[in-house]
Amino acid sequence: MVMDETLYGIAEKVKNFAVIYLVDITEVPDFNTMYELYDPCTMMFFFRNKHIMIDLGTGNNNKINWAISNKQEVIDVIEIVYRGARKGRGLVISPKDYSTKYKY
């Protein structure tokens, strides 16, 4: 999958402030209903056992449920989440607006 390859490619660059886990939701179904994990690709963020939400402009602040192929874009998102979570924020603003109004 595209997102798996992107995350694998950036794992070495973000190892100082992030750990990446790939989880198969069919083998570990404990959080499927709690976090509404139904999509084949979902990226979520946790800091010190707390779920960190990110405002991407899509309306769903809990997770990213599409593949991002640009490695620098993913690094920027992870870095923004880390900086906000370290300051105690439960919701951070994405560096890029992913709403559909800019895709046309």
C-alpha atoms as a PDB file:
ATOM      1  CA  MET A   1       0.000   0.000   0.000  1.00  0.00           C
ATOM      2  CA  VAL A   2       1.084   3.558  -0.658  1.00  0.00           C
ATOM      3  CA  MET A   3       0.764   4.763   2.934  1.00  0.00           C
ATOM      4  CA  ASP A   4       2.728   1.801   4.304  1.00  0.00           C
ATOM      5  CA  GLU A   5       5.618   2.570   1.962  1.00  0.00           C
ATOM      6  CA  THR A   6       5.509   6.268   2.868  1.00  0.00           C
ATOM      7  CA  LEU A   7       5.568   5.527   6.597  1.00  0.00           C
ATOM      8  CA  TYR A   8       8.383   3.013   6.150  1.00  0.00           C
ATOM      9  CA  GLY A   9      10.350   5.614   4.196  1.00  0.00           C
ATOM     10  CA  ILE A  10      10.079   8.287   6.895  1.00  0.00           C
ATOM     11  CA  ALA A  11      10.464   6.049   9.968  1.00  0.00           C
ATOM     12  CA  GLU A  12      14.192   6.723  10.232  1.00  0.00           C
ATOM     13  CA  LYS A  13      13.718  10.503   9.879  1.00  0.00           C
ATOM     14  CA  VAL A  14      11.063  10.795  12.609  1.00  0.00           C
ATOM     15  CA  LYS A  15      12.521   8.279  15.054  1.00  0.00           C
ATOM     16  CA  ASN A  16      13.542  11.019  17.512  1.00  0.00           C
ATOM     17  CA  PHE A  17       9.968  12.199  18.112  1.00  0.00           C
ATOM     18  CA  ALA A  18       7.617   9.513  16.773  1.00  0.00           C
ATOM     19  CA  VAL A  19       7.148   5.764  16.691  1.00  0.00           C
ATOM     20  CA  ILE A  20       5.162   4.228  13.845  1.00  0.00           C
ATOM     21  CA  TYR A  21       3.044   1.133  14.411  1.00  0.00           C
ATOM     22  CA  LEU A  22       1.178  -0.725  11.687  1.00  0.00           C
ATOM     23  CA  VAL A  23      -1.857  -2.555  13.047  1.00  0.00           C
ATOM     24  CA  ASP A  24      -4.193  -4.917  11.208  1.00  0.00           C
ATOM     25  CA  ILE A  25      -7.696  -4.080  12.478  1.00  0.00           C
ATOM     26  CA  THR A  26      -8.964  -7.553  11.626  1.00  0.00           C
ATOM     27  CA  GLU A  27      -6.434  -9.146  13.990  1.00  0.00           C
ATOM     28  CA  VAL A  28      -6.829  -6.501  16.736  1.00  0.00           C
ATOM     29  CA  PRO A  29     -10.517  -5.458  16.679  1.00  0.00           C
ATOM     30  CA  ASP A  30     -10.592  -3.947  20.188  1.00  0.00           C
ATOM     31  CA  PHE A  31     -10.674  -0.281  19.108  1.00  0.00           C
ATOM     32  CA  ASN A  32     -12.648  -0.569  15.863  1.00  0.00           C
ATOM     33  CA  THR A  33     -15.923   0.750  17.259  1.00  0.00           C
ATOM     34  CA  MET A  34     -14.350   3.246  19.656  1.00  0.00           C
ATOM     35  CA  TYR A  35     -12.333   5.010  16.942  1.00  0.00           C
ATOM     36  CA  GLU A  36     -14.597   4.039  13.998  1.00  0.00           C
ATOM     37  CA  LEU A  37     -11.855   2.121  12.201  1.00  0.00           C
ATOM     38  CA  TYR A  38     -13.508   0.863   9.036  1.00  0.00           C
ATOM     39  CA  ASP A  39     -11.254   2.214   6.285  1.00  0.00           C
ATOM     40  CA  PRO A  40      -8.361   0.160   4.893  1.00  0.00           C
ATOM     41  CA  CYS A  41      -5.936   3.021   5.612  1.00  0.00           C
ATOM     42  CA  THR A  42      -6.186   5.073   8.802  1.00  0.00           C
ATOM     43  CA  MET A  43      -3.503   7.109  10.536  1.00  0.00           C
ATOM     44  CA  MET A  44      -4.085   8.151  14.153  1.00  0.00           C
ATOM     45  CA  PHE A  45      -1.900   9.956  16.663  1.00  0.00           C
ATOM     46  CA  PHE A  46      -1.311   9.234  20.343  1.00  0.00           C
ATOM     47  CA  PHE A  47       0.911  11.025  22.852  1.00  0.00           C
ATOM     48  CA  ARG A  48       1.465   9.592  26.333  1.00  0.00           C
ATOM     49  CA  ASN A  49      -1.511   7.256  25.974  1.00  0.00           C
ATOM     50  CA  LYS A  50      -3.838  10.098  24.901  1.00  0.00           C
ATOM     51  CA  HIS A  51      -5.495  10.376  21.512  1.00  0.00           C
ATOM     52  CA  ILE A  52      -4.432  13.579  19.746  1.00  0.00           C
ATOM     53  CA  MET A  53      -6.906  14.976  17.231  1.00  0.00           C
ATOM     54  CA  ILE A  54      -5.841  16.966  14.171  1.00  0.00           C
ATOM     55  CA  ASP A  55      -7.949  19.509  12.283  1.00  0.00           C
ATOM     56  CA  LEU A  56      -7.408  18.773   8.604  1.00  0.00           C
ATOM     57  CA  GLY A  57     -10.339  20.784   7.260  1.00  0.00           C
ATOM     58  CA  THR A  58     -12.285  17.618   6.424  1.00  0.00           C
ATOM     59  CA  GLY A  59     -14.639  17.577   9.407  1.00  0.00           C
ATOM     60  CA  ASN A  60     -13.185  14.377  10.877  1.00  0.00           C
ATOM     61  CA  ASN A  61     -10.597  15.435  13.436  1.00  0.00           C
ATOM     62  CA  ASN A  62      -9.898  11.952  14.810  1.00  0.00           C
ATOM     63  CA  LYS A  63      -7.813  10.443  12.040  1.00  0.00           C
ATOM     64  CA  ILE A  64      -6.445  10.605   8.504  1.00  0.00           C
ATOM     65  CA  ASN A  65      -8.269   7.993   6.437  1.00  0.00           C
ATOM     66  CA  TRP A  66      -6.632   8.433   3.047  1.00  0.00           C
ATOM     67  CA  ALA A  67      -3.161   7.668   1.738  1.00  0.00           C
ATOM     68  CA  ILE A  68      -0.608  10.471   1.630  1.00  0.00           C
ATOM     69  CA  SER A  69       2.212   9.653  -0.768  1.00  0.00           C
ATOM     70  CA  ASN A  70       4.340  12.768  -0.172  1.00  0.00           C
ATOM     71  CA  LYS A  71       6.888  11.914   2.511  1.00  0.00           C
ATOM     72  CA  GLN A  72       7.579  15.523   3.519  1.00  0.00           C
ATOM     73  CA  GLU A  73       3.858  16.147   3.960  1.00  0.00           C
ATOM     74  CA  VAL A  74       3.573  13.221   6.399  1.00  0.00           C
ATOM     75  CA  ILE A  75       6.668  14.379   8.284  1.00  0.00           C
ATOM     76  CA  ASP A  76       5.140  17.863   8.617  1.00  0.00           C
ATOM     77  CA  VAL A  77       1.881  16.436   9.971  1.00  0.00           C
ATOM     78  CA  ILE A  78       3.684  14.219  12.497  1.00  0.00           C
ATOM     79  CA  GLU A  79       5.871  17.119  13.605  1.00  0.00           C
ATOM     80  CA  ILE A  80       2.889  19.449  14.113  1.00  0.00           C
ATOM     81  CA  VAL A  81       1.088  16.773  16.140  1.00  0.00           C
ATOM     82  CA  TYR A  82       4.180  16.207  18.292  1.00  0.00           C
ATOM     83  CA  ARG A  83       4.717  19.916  18.962  1.00  0.00           C
ATOM     84  CA  GLY A  84       1.065  20.465  19.872  1.00  0.00           C
ATOM     85  CA  ALA A  85       0.818  17.359  22.042  1.00  0.00           C
ATOM     86  CA  ARG A  86       3.991  18.257  23.905  1.00  0.00           C
ATOM     87  CA  LYS A  87       2.374  21.596  24.807  1.00  0.00           C
ATOM     88  CA  GLY A  88      -0.678  19.756  26.158  1.00  0.00           C
ATOM     89  CA  ARG A  89      -3.059  20.389  23.284  1.00  0.00           C
ATOM     90  CA  GLY A  90      -5.598  17.714  22.443  1.00  0.00           C
ATOM     91  CA  LEU A  91      -6.395  19.236  19.032  1.00  0.00           C
ATOM     92  CA  VAL A  92      -3.799  20.588  16.622  1.00  0.00           C
ATOM     93  CA  ILE A  93      -4.228  22.387  13.296  1.00  0.00           C
ATOM     94  CA  SER A  94      -2.803  20.730  10.187  1.00  0.00           C
ATOM     95  CA  PRO A  95      -0.131  22.626   8.226  1.00  0.00           C
ATOM     96  CA  LYS A  96      -2.153  22.015   5.049  1.00  0.00           C
ATOM     97  CA  ASP A  97      -5.908  22.300   4.504  1.00  0.00           C
ATOM     98  CA  TYR A  98      -7.257  19.064   3.021  1.00  0.00           C
ATOM     99  CA  SER A  99     -10.818  20.261   2.455  1.00  0.00           C
ATOM    100  CA  THR A 100     -12.287  19.718  -1.006  1.00  0.00           C
ATOM    101  CA  LYS A 101     -12.592  23.425  -1.806  1.00  0.00           C
ATOM    102  CA  TYR A 102      -8.905  23.546  -2.790  1.00  0.00           C
ATOM    103  CA  LYS A 103      -8.928  20.436  -4.983  1.00  0.00           C
ATOM    104  CA  TYR A 104     -10.734  22.038  -7.931  1.00  0.00           C
END
